[in-house]
Amino acid sequence: MDERCSSIACKRAGLSAAKQWRTRRDCGVRVELPYNVAENYERNLVPIVFAPWANELVETAALRQGDRVLDVACGTGIVARIAARKLGGTGSVTGLDEARR
């Protein structure tokens, strides 16, 4: 049986009552977010932390029209996306990652 969470952490996070849940059998707080972790990562961390680094990396690589790029362990694909924009439809960009989603 689930019941609304009374955790201070949930209240401080500003989660609505509908998004706060505690399951008795796991003795911990389970928070149901309106979007998944990958979407949260992409929305909040990539633009601030990873995009500036990815831009610098692609500039340092000095890509030219027709180049081929392999982004290994590409994660969200931010480097591959920036490289593809830089190539402007010429060459090719491939992203490779072990993640299932």
PDB file of N, CA and C in Angstrom:
ATOM      1  N   MET A   1       0.835  -1.182   0.000  1.00  0.00           N
ATOM      2  CA  MET A   1       0.000   0.000   0.000  1.00  0.00           C
ATOM      3  C   MET A   1       0.883   1.249   0.000  1.00  0.00           C
ATOM      4  N   ASP A   2       0.591   2.182  -0.881  1.00  0.00           N
ATOM      5  CA  ASP A   2       1.342   3.426  -0.949  1.00  0.00           C
ATOM      6  C   ASP A   2       0.604   4.512  -0.176  1.00  0.00           C
ATOM      7  N   GLU A   3       1.370   5.414   0.393  1.00  0.00           N
ATOM      8  CA  GLU A   3       0.797   6.567   1.065  1.00  0.00           C
ATOM      9  C   GLU A   3       1.616   7.785   0.727  1.00  0.00           C
ATOM     10  N   ARG A   4       1.047   8.954   0.902  1.00  0.00           N
ATOM     11  CA  ARG A   4       1.756  10.174   0.585  1.00  0.00           C
ATOM     12  C   ARG A   4       2.977  10.324   1.479  1.00  0.00           C
ATOM     13  N   CYS A   5       4.062  10.791   0.910  1.00  0.00           N
ATOM     14  CA  CYS A   5       5.315  10.922   1.640  1.00  0.00           C
ATOM     15  C   CYS A   5       5.272  12.158   2.536  1.00  0.00           C
ATOM     16  N   SER A   6       5.763  12.006   3.748  1.00  0.00           N
ATOM     17  CA  SER A   6       5.862  13.144   4.646  1.00  0.00           C
ATOM     18  C   SER A   6       7.315  13.580   4.791  1.00  0.00           C
ATOM     19  N   SER A   7       8.179  13.066   3.925  1.00  0.00           N
ATOM     20  CA  SER A   7       9.602  13.353   3.978  1.00  0.00           C
ATOM     21  C   SER A   7       9.886  14.838   3.786  1.00  0.00           C
ATOM     22  N   ILE A   8      10.763  15.358   4.612  1.00  0.00           N
ATOM     23  CA  ILE A   8      11.171  16.750   4.479  1.00  0.00           C
ATOM     24  C   ILE A   8      11.858  16.958   3.130  1.00  0.00           C
ATOM     25  N   ALA A   9      12.629  15.947   2.681  1.00  0.00           N
ATOM     26  CA  ALA A   9      13.322  16.060   1.395  1.00  0.00           C
ATOM     27  C   ALA A   9      12.333  16.277   0.255  1.00  0.00           C
ATOM     28  N   CYS A  10      11.226  15.551   0.262  1.00  0.00           N
ATOM     29  CA  CYS A  10      10.217  15.711  -0.791  1.00  0.00           C
ATOM     30  C   CYS A  10       9.587  17.098  -0.721  1.00  0.00           C
ATOM     31  N   LYS A  11       9.296  17.566   0.483  1.00  0.00           N
ATOM     32  CA  LYS A  11       8.683  18.884   0.635  1.00  0.00           C
ATOM     33  C   LYS A  11       9.644  19.980   0.202  1.00  0.00           C
ATOM     34  N   ARG A  12      10.924  19.851   0.564  1.00  0.00           N
ATOM     35  CA  ARG A  12      11.917  20.850   0.167  1.00  0.00           C
ATOM     36  C   ARG A  12      12.115  20.864  -1.340  1.00  0.00           C
ATOM     37  N   ALA A  13      11.972  19.710  -1.973  1.00  0.00           N
ATOM     38  CA  ALA A  13      12.116  19.628  -3.425  1.00  0.00           C
ATOM     39  C   ALA A  13      10.945  20.294  -4.137  1.00  0.00           C
ATOM     40  N   GLY A  14       9.909  20.648  -3.373  1.00  0.00           N
ATOM     41  CA  GLY A  14       8.760  21.336  -3.948  1.00  0.00           C
ATOM     42  C   GLY A  14       7.851  20.436  -4.755  1.00  0.00           C
ATOM     43  N   LEU A  15       7.890  19.134  -4.485  1.00  0.00           N
ATOM     44  CA  LEU A  15       7.042  18.206  -5.225  1.00  0.00           C
ATOM     45  C   LEU A  15       5.612  18.292  -4.717  1.00  0.00           C
ATOM     46  N   SER A  16       4.674  18.264  -5.637  1.00  0.00           N
ATOM     47  CA  SER A  16       3.271  18.295  -5.248  1.00  0.00           C
ATOM     48  C   SER A  16       2.919  17.000  -4.542  1.00  0.00           C
ATOM     49  N   ALA A  17       1.833  17.044  -3.782  1.00  0.00           N
ATOM     50  CA  ALA A  17       1.396  15.859  -3.040  1.00  0.00           C
ATOM     51  C   ALA A  17       1.181  14.677  -3.975  1.00  0.00           C
ATOM     52  N   ALA A  18       0.721  14.936  -5.177  1.00  0.00           N
ATOM     53  CA  ALA A  18       0.484  13.859  -6.143  1.00  0.00           C
ATOM     54  C   ALA A  18       1.777  13.193  -6.587  1.00  0.00           C
ATOM     55  N   LYS A  19       2.900  13.871  -6.455  1.00  0.00           N
ATOM     56  CA  LYS A  19       4.182  13.317  -6.890  1.00  0.00           C
ATOM     57  C   LYS A  19       5.001  12.754  -5.735  1.00  0.00           C
ATOM     58  N   GLN A  20       4.481  12.802  -4.514  1.00  0.00           N
ATOM     59  CA  GLN A  20       5.217  12.310  -3.353  1.00  0.00           C
ATOM     60  C   GLN A  20       4.654  10.967  -2.911  1.00  0.00           C
ATOM     61  N   TRP A  21       5.495   9.936  -2.915  1.00  0.00           N
ATOM     62  CA  TRP A  21       5.034   8.600  -2.531  1.00  0.00           C
ATOM     63  C   TRP A  21       6.077   7.897  -1.678  1.00  0.00           C
ATOM     64  N   ARG A  22       5.639   7.160  -0.714  1.00  0.00           N
ATOM     65  CA  ARG A  22       6.524   6.305   0.078  1.00  0.00           C
ATOM     66  C   ARG A  22       5.931   4.899   0.036  1.00  0.00           C
ATOM     67  N   THR A  23       6.767   3.938  -0.244  1.00  0.00           N
ATOM     68  CA  THR A  23       6.319   2.559  -0.244  1.00  0.00           C
ATOM     69  C   THR A  23       6.808   1.914   1.044  1.00  0.00           C
ATOM     70  N   ARG A  24       5.912   1.340   1.818  1.00  0.00           N
ATOM     71  CA  ARG A  24       6.263   0.777   3.123  1.00  0.00           C
ATOM     72  C   ARG A  24       7.317  -0.319   3.017  1.00  0.00           C
ATOM     73  N   ARG A  25       7.252  -1.161   1.995  1.00  0.00           N
ATOM     74  CA  ARG A  25       8.164  -2.298   1.923  1.00  0.00           C
ATOM     75  C   ARG A  25       9.608  -1.903   1.607  1.00  0.00           C
ATOM     76  N   ASP A  26       9.846  -0.755   0.935  1.00  0.00           N
ATOM     77  CA  ASP A  26      11.227  -0.401   0.631  1.00  0.00           C
ATOM     78  C   ASP A  26      11.810   0.602   1.629  1.00  0.00           C
ATOM     79  N   CYS A  27      11.025   1.056   2.587  1.00  0.00           N
ATOM     80  CA  CYS A  27      11.478   1.912   3.688  1.00  0.00           C
ATOM     81  C   CYS A  27      12.236   3.143   3.212  1.00  0.00           C
ATOM     82  N   GLY A  28      12.023   3.561   2.020  1.00  0.00           N
ATOM     83  CA  GLY A  28      12.696   4.744   1.500  1.00  0.00           C
ATOM     84  C   GLY A  28      11.703   5.613   0.776  1.00  0.00           C
ATOM     85  N   VAL A  29      12.175   6.711   0.306  1.00  0.00           N
ATOM     86  CA  VAL A  29      11.307   7.612  -0.418  1.00  0.00           C
ATOM     87  C   VAL A  29      11.463   7.342  -1.904  1.00  0.00           C
ATOM     88  N   ARG A  30      10.369   7.118  -2.556  1.00  0.00           N
ATOM     89  CA  ARG A  30      10.382   6.956  -4.009  1.00  0.00           C
ATOM     90  C   ARG A  30       9.683   8.178  -4.579  1.00  0.00           C
ATOM     91  N   VAL A  31      10.365   8.913  -5.404  1.00  0.00           N
ATOM     92  CA  VAL A  31       9.797  10.124  -5.968  1.00  0.00           C
ATOM     93  C   VAL A  31       9.457   9.862  -7.424  1.00  0.00           C
ATOM     94  N   GLU A  32       8.243  10.145  -7.790  1.00  0.00           N
ATOM     95  CA  GLU A  32       7.791   9.980  -9.160  1.00  0.00           C
ATOM     96  C   GLU A  32       7.868  11.342  -9.835  1.00  0.00           C
ATOM     97  N   LEU A  33       8.779  11.487 -10.784  1.00  0.00           N
ATOM     98  CA  LEU A  33       8.971  12.762 -11.453  1.00  0.00           C
ATOM     99  C   LEU A  33       8.146  12.823 -12.732  1.00  0.00           C
ATOM    100  N   PRO A  34       7.822  14.029 -13.186  1.00  0.00           N
ATOM    101  CA  PRO A  34       7.015  14.152 -14.399  1.00  0.00           C
ATOM    102  C   PRO A  34       7.783  13.808 -15.677  1.00  0.00           C
ATOM    103  N   TYR A  35       9.091  13.613 -15.595  1.00  0.00           N
ATOM    104  CA  TYR A  35       9.884  13.196 -16.742  1.00  0.00           C
ATOM    105  C   TYR A  35      11.000  12.300 -16.231  1.00  0.00           C
ATOM    106  N   ASN A  36      11.616  11.539 -17.116  1.00  0.00           N
ATOM    107  CA  ASN A  36      12.610  10.575 -16.651  1.00  0.00           C
ATOM    108  C   ASN A  36      13.983  11.222 -16.427  1.00  0.00           C
ATOM    109  N   VAL A  37      14.886  10.473 -15.860  1.00  0.00           N
ATOM    110  CA  VAL A  37      16.209  10.983 -15.512  1.00  0.00           C
ATOM    111  C   VAL A  37      16.971  11.458 -16.746  1.00  0.00           C
ATOM    112  N   ALA A  38      16.898  10.711 -17.839  1.00  0.00           N
ATOM    113  CA  ALA A  38      17.608  11.103 -19.059  1.00  0.00           C
ATOM    114  C   ALA A  38      17.108  12.449 -19.585  1.00  0.00           C
ATOM    115  N   GLU A  39      15.796  12.652 -19.556  1.00  0.00           N
ATOM    116  CA  GLU A  39      15.241  13.929 -20.001  1.00  0.00           C
ATOM    117  C   GLU A  39      15.690  15.064 -19.083  1.00  0.00           C
ATOM    118  N   ASN A  40      15.706  14.811 -17.780  1.00  0.00           N
ATOM    119  CA  ASN A  40      16.151  15.801 -16.811  1.00  0.00           C
ATOM    120  C   ASN A  40      17.627  16.159 -17.057  1.00  0.00           C
ATOM    121  N   TYR A  41      18.444  15.151 -17.273  1.00  0.00           N
ATOM    122  CA  TYR A  41      19.871  15.321 -17.557  1.00  0.00           C
ATOM    123  C   TYR A  41      20.057  16.186 -18.800  1.00  0.00           C
ATOM    124  N   GLU A  42      19.333  15.843 -19.863  1.00  0.00           N
ATOM    125  CA  GLU A  42      19.424  16.576 -21.128  1.00  0.00           C
ATOM    126  C   GLU A  42      18.948  18.023 -20.962  1.00  0.00           C
ATOM    127  N   ARG A  43      17.876  18.213 -20.253  1.00  0.00           N
ATOM    128  CA  ARG A  43      17.274  19.531 -20.086  1.00  0.00           C
ATOM    129  C   ARG A  43      18.118  20.448 -19.193  1.00  0.00           C
ATOM    130  N   ASN A  44      18.693  19.891 -18.115  1.00  0.00           N
ATOM    131  CA  ASN A  44      19.332  20.740 -17.111  1.00  0.00           C
ATOM    132  C   ASN A  44      20.857  20.715 -17.093  1.00  0.00           C
ATOM    133  N   LEU A  45      21.476  19.591 -17.374  1.00  0.00           N
ATOM    134  CA  LEU A  45      22.934  19.513 -17.298  1.00  0.00           C
ATOM    135  C   LEU A  45      23.640  19.735 -18.630  1.00  0.00           C
ATOM    136  N   VAL A  46      23.089  19.188 -19.685  1.00  0.00           N
ATOM    137  CA  VAL A  46      23.774  19.281 -20.979  1.00  0.00           C
ATOM    138  C   VAL A  46      23.986  20.735 -21.411  1.00  0.00           C
ATOM    139  N   PRO A  47      22.975  21.598 -21.384  1.00  0.00           N
ATOM    140  CA  PRO A  47      23.213  22.973 -21.841  1.00  0.00           C
ATOM    141  C   PRO A  47      24.226  23.749 -20.998  1.00  0.00           C
ATOM    142  N   ILE A  48      24.241  23.504 -19.711  1.00  0.00           N
ATOM    143  CA  ILE A  48      25.096  24.268 -18.802  1.00  0.00           C
ATOM    144  C   ILE A  48      26.497  23.678 -18.690  1.00  0.00           C
ATOM    145  N   VAL A  49      26.587  22.356 -18.556  1.00  0.00           N
ATOM    146  CA  VAL A  49      27.865  21.709 -18.278  1.00  0.00           C
ATOM    147  C   VAL A  49      28.533  21.164 -19.536  1.00  0.00           C
ATOM    148  N   PHE A  50      27.812  20.402 -20.324  1.00  0.00           N
ATOM    149  CA  PHE A  50      28.434  19.644 -21.408  1.00  0.00           C
ATOM    150  C   PHE A  50      28.469  20.352 -22.759  1.00  0.00           C
ATOM    151  N   ALA A  51      27.485  21.164 -23.075  1.00  0.00           N
ATOM    152  CA  ALA A  51      27.476  21.833 -24.380  1.00  0.00           C
ATOM    153  C   ALA A  51      28.677  22.762 -24.571  1.00  0.00           C
ATOM    154  N   PRO A  52      29.052  23.581 -23.581  1.00  0.00           N
ATOM    155  CA  PRO A  52      30.235  24.428 -23.783  1.00  0.00           C
ATOM    156  C   PRO A  52      31.503  23.601 -24.034  1.00  0.00           C
ATOM    157  N   TRP A  53      31.646  22.511 -23.294  1.00  0.00           N
ATOM    158  CA  TRP A  53      32.797  21.623 -23.490  1.00  0.00           C
ATOM    159  C   TRP A  53      32.744  20.965 -24.865  1.00  0.00           C
ATOM    160  N   ALA A  54      31.555  20.532 -25.276  1.00  0.00           N
ATOM    161  CA  ALA A  54      31.399  19.878 -26.576  1.00  0.00           C
ATOM    162  C   ALA A  54      31.718  20.847 -27.717  1.00  0.00           C
ATOM    163  N   ASN A  55      31.282  22.094 -27.593  1.00  0.00           N
ATOM    164  CA  ASN A  55      31.617  23.100 -28.606  1.00  0.00           C
ATOM    165  C   ASN A  55      33.125  23.281 -28.727  1.00  0.00           C
ATOM    166  N   GLU A  56      33.784  23.363 -27.583  1.00  0.00           N
ATOM    167  CA  GLU A  56      35.248  23.516 -27.564  1.00  0.00           C
ATOM    168  C   GLU A  56      35.933  22.309 -28.211  1.00  0.00           C
ATOM    169  N   LEU A  57      35.451  21.125 -27.890  1.00  0.00           N
ATOM    170  CA  LEU A  57      36.018  19.898 -28.454  1.00  0.00           C
ATOM    171  C   LEU A  57      35.886  19.869 -29.974  1.00  0.00           C
ATOM    172  N   VAL A  58      34.705  20.187 -30.476  1.00  0.00           N
ATOM    173  CA  VAL A  58      34.466  20.171 -31.919  1.00  0.00           C
ATOM    174  C   VAL A  58      35.313  21.243 -32.605  1.00  0.00           C
ATOM    175  N   GLU A  59      35.447  22.403 -32.006  1.00  0.00           N
ATOM    176  CA  GLU A  59      36.301  23.452 -32.581  1.00  0.00           C
ATOM    177  C   GLU A  59      37.756  23.001 -32.615  1.00  0.00           C
ATOM    178  N   THR A  60      38.213  22.356 -31.539  1.00  0.00           N
ATOM    179  CA  THR A  60      39.599  21.872 -31.475  1.00  0.00           C
ATOM    180  C   THR A  60      39.860  20.805 -32.533  1.00  0.00           C
ATOM    181  N   ALA A  61      38.848  19.988 -32.820  1.00  0.00           N
ATOM    182  CA  ALA A  61      38.995  18.938 -33.832  1.00  0.00           C
ATOM    183  C   ALA A  61      39.140  19.515 -35.240  1.00  0.00           C
ATOM    184  N   ALA A  62      38.769  20.777 -35.426  1.00  0.00           N
ATOM    185  CA  ALA A  62      38.901  21.465 -36.729  1.00  0.00           C
ATOM    186  C   ALA A  62      38.305  20.638 -37.866  1.00  0.00           C
ATOM    187  N   LEU A  63      37.045  20.265 -37.705  1.00  0.00           N
ATOM    188  CA  LEU A  63      36.376  19.467 -38.728  1.00  0.00           C
ATOM    189  C   LEU A  63      36.294  20.217 -40.049  1.00  0.00           C
ATOM    190  N   ARG A  64      36.410  19.444 -41.136  1.00  0.00           N
ATOM    191  CA  ARG A  64      36.304  19.995 -42.481  1.00  0.00           C
ATOM    192  C   ARG A  64      35.157  19.298 -43.215  1.00  0.00           C
ATOM    193  N   GLN A  65      34.627  19.939 -44.226  1.00  0.00           N
ATOM    194  CA  GLN A  65      33.566  19.359 -45.040  1.00  0.00           C
ATOM    195  C   GLN A  65      33.964  17.949 -45.473  1.00  0.00           C
ATOM    196  N   GLY A  66      33.076  16.978 -45.316  1.00  0.00           N
ATOM    197  CA  GLY A  66      33.331  15.609 -45.742  1.00  0.00           C
ATOM    198  C   GLY A  66      33.991  14.725 -44.692  1.00  0.00           C
ATOM    199  N   ASP A  67      34.387  15.290 -43.555  1.00  0.00           N
ATOM    200  CA  ASP A  67      35.002  14.474 -42.497  1.00  0.00           C
ATOM    201  C   ASP A  67      34.011  13.463 -41.942  1.00  0.00           C
ATOM    202  N   ARG A  68      34.559  12.410 -41.354  1.00  0.00           N
ATOM    203  CA  ARG A  68      33.768  11.397 -40.660  1.00  0.00           C
ATOM    204  C   ARG A  68      34.100  11.468 -39.175  1.00  0.00           C
ATOM    205  N   VAL A  69      33.067  11.428 -38.335  1.00  0.00           N
ATOM    206  CA  VAL A  69      33.242  11.540 -36.887  1.00  0.00           C
ATOM    207  C   VAL A  69      32.631  10.315 -36.226  1.00  0.00           C
ATOM    208  N   LEU A  70      33.371   9.722 -35.286  1.00  0.00           N
ATOM    209  CA  LEU A  70      32.863   8.642 -34.454  1.00  0.00           C
ATOM    210  C   LEU A  70      32.916   9.125 -33.014  1.00  0.00           C
ATOM    211  N   ASP A  71      31.768   9.270 -32.406  1.00  0.00           N
ATOM    212  CA  ASP A  71      31.661   9.702 -31.006  1.00  0.00           C
ATOM    213  C   ASP A  71      31.405   8.459 -30.162  1.00  0.00           C
ATOM    214  N   VAL A  72      32.450   7.954 -29.506  1.00  0.00           N
ATOM    215  CA  VAL A  72      32.359   6.740 -28.695  1.00  0.00           C
ATOM    216  C   VAL A  72      31.956   7.118 -27.281  1.00  0.00           C
ATOM    217  N   ALA A  73      31.040   6.340 -26.695  1.00  0.00           N
ATOM    218  CA  ALA A  73      30.467   6.643 -25.375  1.00  0.00           C
ATOM    219  C   ALA A  73      29.801   8.011 -25.440  1.00  0.00           C
ATOM    220  N   CYS A  74      28.944   8.194 -26.422  1.00  0.00           N
ATOM    221  CA  CYS A  74      28.384   9.506 -26.742  1.00  0.00           C
ATOM    222  C   CYS A  74      27.363  10.025 -25.740  1.00  0.00           C
ATOM    223  N   GLY A  75      26.855   9.166 -24.861  1.00  0.00           N
ATOM    224  CA  GLY A  75      25.887   9.650 -23.868  1.00  0.00           C
ATOM    225  C   GLY A  75      24.685  10.282 -24.538  1.00  0.00           C
ATOM    226  N   THR A  76      24.450  11.544 -24.259  1.00  0.00           N
ATOM    227  CA  THR A  76      23.295  12.235 -24.836  1.00  0.00           C
ATOM    228  C   THR A  76      23.494  12.588 -26.301  1.00  0.00           C
ATOM    229  N   GLY A  77      24.712  12.448 -26.782  1.00  0.00           N
ATOM    230  CA  GLY A  77      25.002  12.749 -28.181  1.00  0.00           C
ATOM    231  C   GLY A  77      25.283  14.216 -28.450  1.00  0.00           C
ATOM    232  N   ILE A  78      25.569  14.990 -27.414  1.00  0.00           N
ATOM    233  CA  ILE A  78      25.783  16.425 -27.619  1.00  0.00           C
ATOM    234  C   ILE A  78      26.980  16.692 -28.534  1.00  0.00           C
ATOM    235  N   VAL A  79      28.065  15.939 -28.389  1.00  0.00           N
ATOM    236  CA  VAL A  79      29.227  16.151 -29.267  1.00  0.00           C
ATOM    237  C   VAL A  79      28.858  15.777 -30.700  1.00  0.00           C
ATOM    238  N   ALA A  80      28.186  14.657 -30.875  1.00  0.00           N
ATOM    239  CA  ALA A  80      27.784  14.220 -32.220  1.00  0.00           C
ATOM    240  C   ALA A  80      26.837  15.224 -32.870  1.00  0.00           C
ATOM    241  N   ARG A  81      25.911  15.764 -32.104  1.00  0.00           N
ATOM    242  CA  ARG A  81      24.965  16.747 -32.652  1.00  0.00           C
ATOM    243  C   ARG A  81      25.674  18.028 -33.086  1.00  0.00           C
ATOM    244  N   ILE A  82      26.598  18.488 -32.257  1.00  0.00           N
ATOM    245  CA  ILE A  82      27.343  19.705 -32.612  1.00  0.00           C
ATOM    246  C   ILE A  82      28.235  19.445 -33.818  1.00  0.00           C
ATOM    247  N   ALA A  83      28.877  18.280 -33.869  1.00  0.00           N
ATOM    248  CA  ALA A  83      29.719  17.923 -35.015  1.00  0.00           C
ATOM    249  C   ALA A  83      28.887  17.863 -36.295  1.00  0.00           C
ATOM    250  N   ALA A  84      27.693  17.290 -36.208  1.00  0.00           N
ATOM    251  CA  ALA A  84      26.826  17.190 -37.384  1.00  0.00           C
ATOM    252  C   ALA A  84      26.436  18.578 -37.891  1.00  0.00           C
ATOM    253  N   ARG A  85      26.131  19.491 -36.986  1.00  0.00           N
ATOM    254  CA  ARG A  85      25.811  20.864 -37.396  1.00  0.00           C
ATOM    255  C   ARG A  85      27.022  21.520 -38.059  1.00  0.00           C
ATOM    256  N   LYS A  86      28.193  21.272 -37.508  1.00  0.00           N
ATOM    257  CA  LYS A  86      29.434  21.848 -38.046  1.00  0.00           C
ATOM    258  C   LYS A  86      29.702  21.334 -39.464  1.00  0.00           C
ATOM    259  N   LEU A  87      29.424  20.054 -39.702  1.00  0.00           N
ATOM    260  CA  LEU A  87      29.655  19.468 -41.029  1.00  0.00           C
ATOM    261  C   LEU A  87      28.593  19.904 -42.034  1.00  0.00           C
ATOM    262  N   GLY A  88      27.466  20.357 -41.554  1.00  0.00           N
ATOM    263  CA  GLY A  88      26.446  20.905 -42.443  1.00  0.00           C
ATOM    264  C   GLY A  88      25.930  19.965 -43.514  1.00  0.00           C
ATOM    265  N   GLY A  89      25.767  18.707 -43.187  1.00  0.00           N
ATOM    266  CA  GLY A  89      25.215  17.759 -44.149  1.00  0.00           C
ATOM    267  C   GLY A  89      26.246  17.039 -44.998  1.00  0.00           C
ATOM    268  N   THR A  90      27.517  17.397 -44.851  1.00  0.00           N
ATOM    269  CA  THR A  90      28.570  16.674 -45.571  1.00  0.00           C
ATOM    270  C   THR A  90      29.226  15.724 -44.585  1.00  0.00           C
ATOM    271  N   GLY A  91      29.918  14.722 -45.066  1.00  0.00           N
ATOM    272  CA  GLY A  91      30.576  13.778 -44.168  1.00  0.00           C
ATOM    273  C   GLY A  91      29.555  12.945 -43.419  1.00  0.00           C
ATOM    274  N   SER A  92      29.994  12.368 -42.296  1.00  0.00           N
ATOM    275  CA  SER A  92      29.074  11.564 -41.501  1.00  0.00           C
ATOM    276  C   SER A  92      29.464  11.625 -40.031  1.00  0.00           C
ATOM    277  N   VAL A  93      28.466  11.462 -39.182  1.00  0.00           N
ATOM    278  CA  VAL A  93      28.674  11.439 -37.738  1.00  0.00           C
ATOM    279  C   VAL A  93      27.962  10.214 -37.194  1.00  0.00           C
ATOM    280  N   THR A  94      28.677   9.416 -36.405  1.00  0.00           N
ATOM    281  CA  THR A  94      28.114   8.232 -35.775  1.00  0.00           C
ATOM    282  C   THR A  94      28.344   8.323 -34.291  1.00  0.00           C
ATOM    283  N   GLY A  95      27.279   8.107 -33.519  1.00  0.00           N
ATOM    284  CA  GLY A  95      27.391   8.067 -32.074  1.00  0.00           C
ATOM    285  C   GLY A  95      27.227   6.635 -31.603  1.00  0.00           C
ATOM    286  N   LEU A  96      28.081   6.217 -30.671  1.00  0.00           N
ATOM    287  CA  LEU A  96      28.057   4.849 -30.155  1.00  0.00           C
ATOM    288  C   LEU A  96      28.007   4.914 -28.634  1.00  0.00           C
ATOM    289  N   ASP A  97      27.012   4.244 -28.051  1.00  0.00           N
ATOM    290  CA  ASP A  97      26.897   4.247 -26.595  1.00  0.00           C
ATOM    291  C   ASP A  97      26.277   2.934 -26.150  1.00  0.00           C
ATOM    292  N   GLU A  98      26.662   2.487 -24.979  1.00  0.00           N
ATOM    293  CA  GLU A  98      26.154   1.231 -24.444  1.00  0.00           C
ATOM    294  C   GLU A  98      24.748   1.352 -23.863  1.00  0.00           C
ATOM    295  N   ALA A  99      24.327   2.555 -23.535  1.00  0.00           N
ATOM    296  CA  ALA A  99      23.026   2.753 -22.892  1.00  0.00           C
ATOM    297  C   ALA A  99      21.900   2.134 -23.711  1.00  0.00           C
ATOM    298  N   ARG A 100      20.940   1.582 -23.020  1.00  0.00           N
ATOM    299  CA  ARG A 100      19.821   0.908 -23.681  1.00  0.00           C
ATOM    300  C   ARG A 100      18.802   1.902 -24.221  1.00  0.00           C
ATOM    301  N   ARG A 101      18.719   3.088 -23.638  1.00  0.00           N
ATOM    302  CA  ARG A 101      17.718   4.078 -24.069  1.00  0.00           C
ATOM    303  C   ARG A 101      18.377   5.327 -24.553  1.00  0.00           C
TER     304      ARG A 101
END
